[in-house]
Amino acid sequence: MNRDNGAVPPPLKDPALLRRQCFVNGCWQGQPADPVLNPADGSMVAAVPRFGAAQALEAIAAASAAFPAWSGAVASERASVLRRWAGLVEANADDLARIMTAEQGKPLPEARAEVLSAAGYIGYYAEEAKRVG
């Protein structure tokens, strides 16, 4: 059991990876409200915020405000950020796969392959970012 009203999260090496808020404008926002149920057994994995149109517009505005700095960064800086992200995804592939399995019912090996595939795409675009110059 944990702080989410009886939620039973999957066993994780790093429990902080199972977030219960939305990341908007540089900070975690929203109060957990809606349950995420494990389709295999109906248990609650976690509760997540209910974000609506106002929060979506806030996220869009924040992304728009951040874009000039990102697009103004030199290609090597953008590549470095993407490489770091890909490395974090790879380093946490097992936990991310467990979260996907708990929330979607996807078989664990398939979820892990999907996570590693995503890390591969991020790494690919990190290399492409260097060529944008």
Protein backbone atom coordinates (compact mmCIF):
# COMPACT_ATOMS: atom_id res chain seq x y z
CA MET A 1 0.00 0.00 0.00
CA ASN A 2 1.10 3.57 -0.50
CA ARG A 3 -0.15 7.13 -0.38
CA ASP A 4 -2.57 6.64 -3.29
CA ASN A 5 -5.55 5.27 -1.36
CA GLY A 6 -4.63 1.62 -1.60
CA ALA A 7 -2.73 1.67 -4.87
CA VAL A 8 -0.34 -1.23 -5.36
CA PRO A 9 2.43 -0.04 -7.68
CA PRO A 10 4.66 -2.50 -9.49
CA PRO A 11 7.93 -3.39 -7.73
CA LEU A 12 10.49 -0.85 -8.97
CA LYS A 13 14.20 -0.31 -8.35
CA ASP A 14 13.45 3.44 -8.41
CA PRO A 15 9.88 4.08 -7.18
CA ALA A 16 10.28 7.80 -8.03
CA LEU A 17 9.80 6.86 -11.70
CA LEU A 18 6.09 6.23 -11.12
CA ARG A 19 4.95 9.86 -11.12
CA ARG A 20 1.53 10.91 -9.87
CA GLN A 21 1.57 14.44 -11.27
CA CYS A 22 2.01 16.15 -14.65
CA PHE A 23 5.21 18.00 -15.53
CA VAL A 24 4.26 21.45 -16.79
CA ASN A 25 6.41 24.57 -16.98
CA GLY A 26 9.30 23.03 -15.09
CA CYS A 27 7.39 21.61 -12.12
CA TRP A 28 5.14 18.71 -11.15
CA GLN A 29 1.50 19.80 -10.93
CA GLY A 30 -1.92 18.43 -10.07
CA GLN A 31 -3.33 16.33 -7.30
CA PRO A 32 -3.76 12.58 -7.87
CA ALA A 33 -7.47 11.97 -8.43
CA ASP A 34 -8.23 9.44 -11.16
CA PRO A 35 -7.22 5.80 -10.67
CA VAL A 36 -5.04 3.92 -13.12
CA LEU A 37 -6.12 0.28 -12.96
CA ASN A 38 -4.08 -2.78 -13.80
CA PRO A 39 -6.11 -4.51 -16.55
CA ALA A 40 -4.87 -7.93 -15.42
CA ASP A 41 -6.38 -7.84 -11.95
CA GLY A 42 -8.20 -4.52 -11.55
CA SER A 43 -5.88 -3.32 -8.79
CA MET A 44 -5.07 0.37 -8.66
CA VAL A 45 -1.53 1.08 -9.85
CA ALA A 46 -1.64 4.79 -8.96
CA ALA A 47 -3.85 7.84 -9.08
CA VAL A 48 -3.16 10.67 -11.53
CA PRO A 49 -4.44 14.23 -11.88
CA ARG A 50 -7.43 15.07 -14.00
CA PHE A 51 -6.16 17.78 -16.32
CA GLY A 52 -8.60 19.57 -18.58
CA ALA A 53 -8.59 22.27 -21.24
CA ALA A 54 -7.19 24.98 -18.95
CA GLN A 55 -4.22 22.83 -17.94
CA ALA A 56 -3.63 21.78 -21.55
CA LEU A 57 -3.55 25.43 -22.61
CA GLU A 58 -1.12 26.19 -19.77
CA ALA A 59 1.16 23.37 -20.95
CA ILE A 60 1.00 24.63 -24.54
CA ALA A 61 1.85 28.16 -23.43
CA ALA A 62 4.78 26.89 -21.34
CA ALA A 63 6.11 24.84 -24.27
CA SER A 64 5.76 27.82 -26.60
CA ALA A 65 7.63 30.02 -24.13
CA ALA A 66 10.43 27.46 -23.82
CA PHE A 67 10.84 26.95 -27.56
CA PRO A 68 12.97 30.04 -28.35
CA ALA A 69 15.66 28.99 -25.86
CA TRP A 70 15.64 25.39 -27.15
CA SER A 71 15.75 26.41 -30.80
CA GLY A 72 18.48 28.95 -30.02
CA ALA A 73 20.72 26.33 -28.43
CA VAL A 74 23.59 25.14 -30.58
CA ALA A 75 23.21 21.73 -32.16
CA SER A 76 25.75 20.06 -29.88
CA GLU A 77 23.85 21.26 -26.79
CA ARG A 78 20.57 19.85 -28.09
CA ALA A 79 22.31 16.59 -29.01
CA SER A 80 23.77 16.35 -25.50
CA VAL A 81 20.34 16.78 -23.88
CA LEU A 82 18.84 14.10 -26.12
CA ARG A 83 21.76 11.70 -25.51
CA ARG A 84 21.34 12.14 -21.74
CA TRP A 85 17.61 11.46 -22.06
CA ALA A 86 18.25 8.31 -24.13
CA GLY A 87 20.76 7.12 -21.52
CA LEU A 88 18.25 7.66 -18.71
CA VAL A 89 15.57 5.73 -20.58
CA GLU A 90 17.99 2.85 -21.20
CA ALA A 91 19.24 2.86 -17.59
CA ASN A 92 15.66 2.66 -16.31
CA ALA A 93 14.27 0.33 -18.98
CA ASP A 94 13.27 -2.41 -16.54
CA ASP A 95 11.31 -0.08 -14.27
CA LEU A 96 9.68 1.76 -17.18
CA ALA A 97 8.65 -1.58 -18.67
CA ARG A 98 7.13 -2.68 -15.34
CA ILE A 99 5.11 0.54 -15.19
CA MET A 100 3.86 0.01 -18.76
CA THR A 101 2.94 -3.59 -18.00
CA ALA A 102 1.02 -2.59 -14.87
CA GLU A 103 -0.94 0.19 -16.57
CA GLN A 104 -1.52 -1.43 -19.98
CA GLY A 105 -1.36 -5.17 -19.46
CA LYS A 106 1.38 -5.43 -22.07
CA PRO A 107 3.69 -8.47 -21.61
CA LEU A 108 6.86 -7.40 -19.78
CA PRO A 109 9.32 -8.46 -22.54
CA GLU A 110 7.27 -6.52 -25.12
CA ALA A 111 7.15 -3.45 -22.87
CA ARG A 112 10.91 -3.59 -22.32
CA ALA A 113 11.52 -3.88 -26.06
CA GLU A 114 9.27 -0.85 -26.62
CA VAL A 115 11.17 1.19 -24.02
CA LEU A 116 14.52 0.28 -25.57
CA SER A 117 13.16 1.09 -29.02
CA ALA A 118 12.10 4.52 -27.78
CA ALA A 119 15.59 5.06 -26.33
CA GLY A 120 17.01 4.11 -29.72
CA TYR A 121 14.87 6.72 -31.48
CA ILE A 122 15.90 9.38 -28.97
CA GLY A 123 19.55 8.45 -29.52
CA TYR A 124 19.06 8.57 -33.29
CA TYR A 125 17.65 12.08 -33.10
CA ALA A 126 20.46 13.11 -30.77
CA GLU A 127 22.86 12.25 -33.58
CA GLU A 128 20.68 14.02 -36.13
CA ALA A 129 20.58 17.12 -33.89
CA LYS A 130 24.36 17.50 -34.39
CA ARG A 131 23.84 17.76 -38.13
CA VAL A 132 21.31 20.61 -37.95
CA GLY A 133 24.08 23.11 -37.35
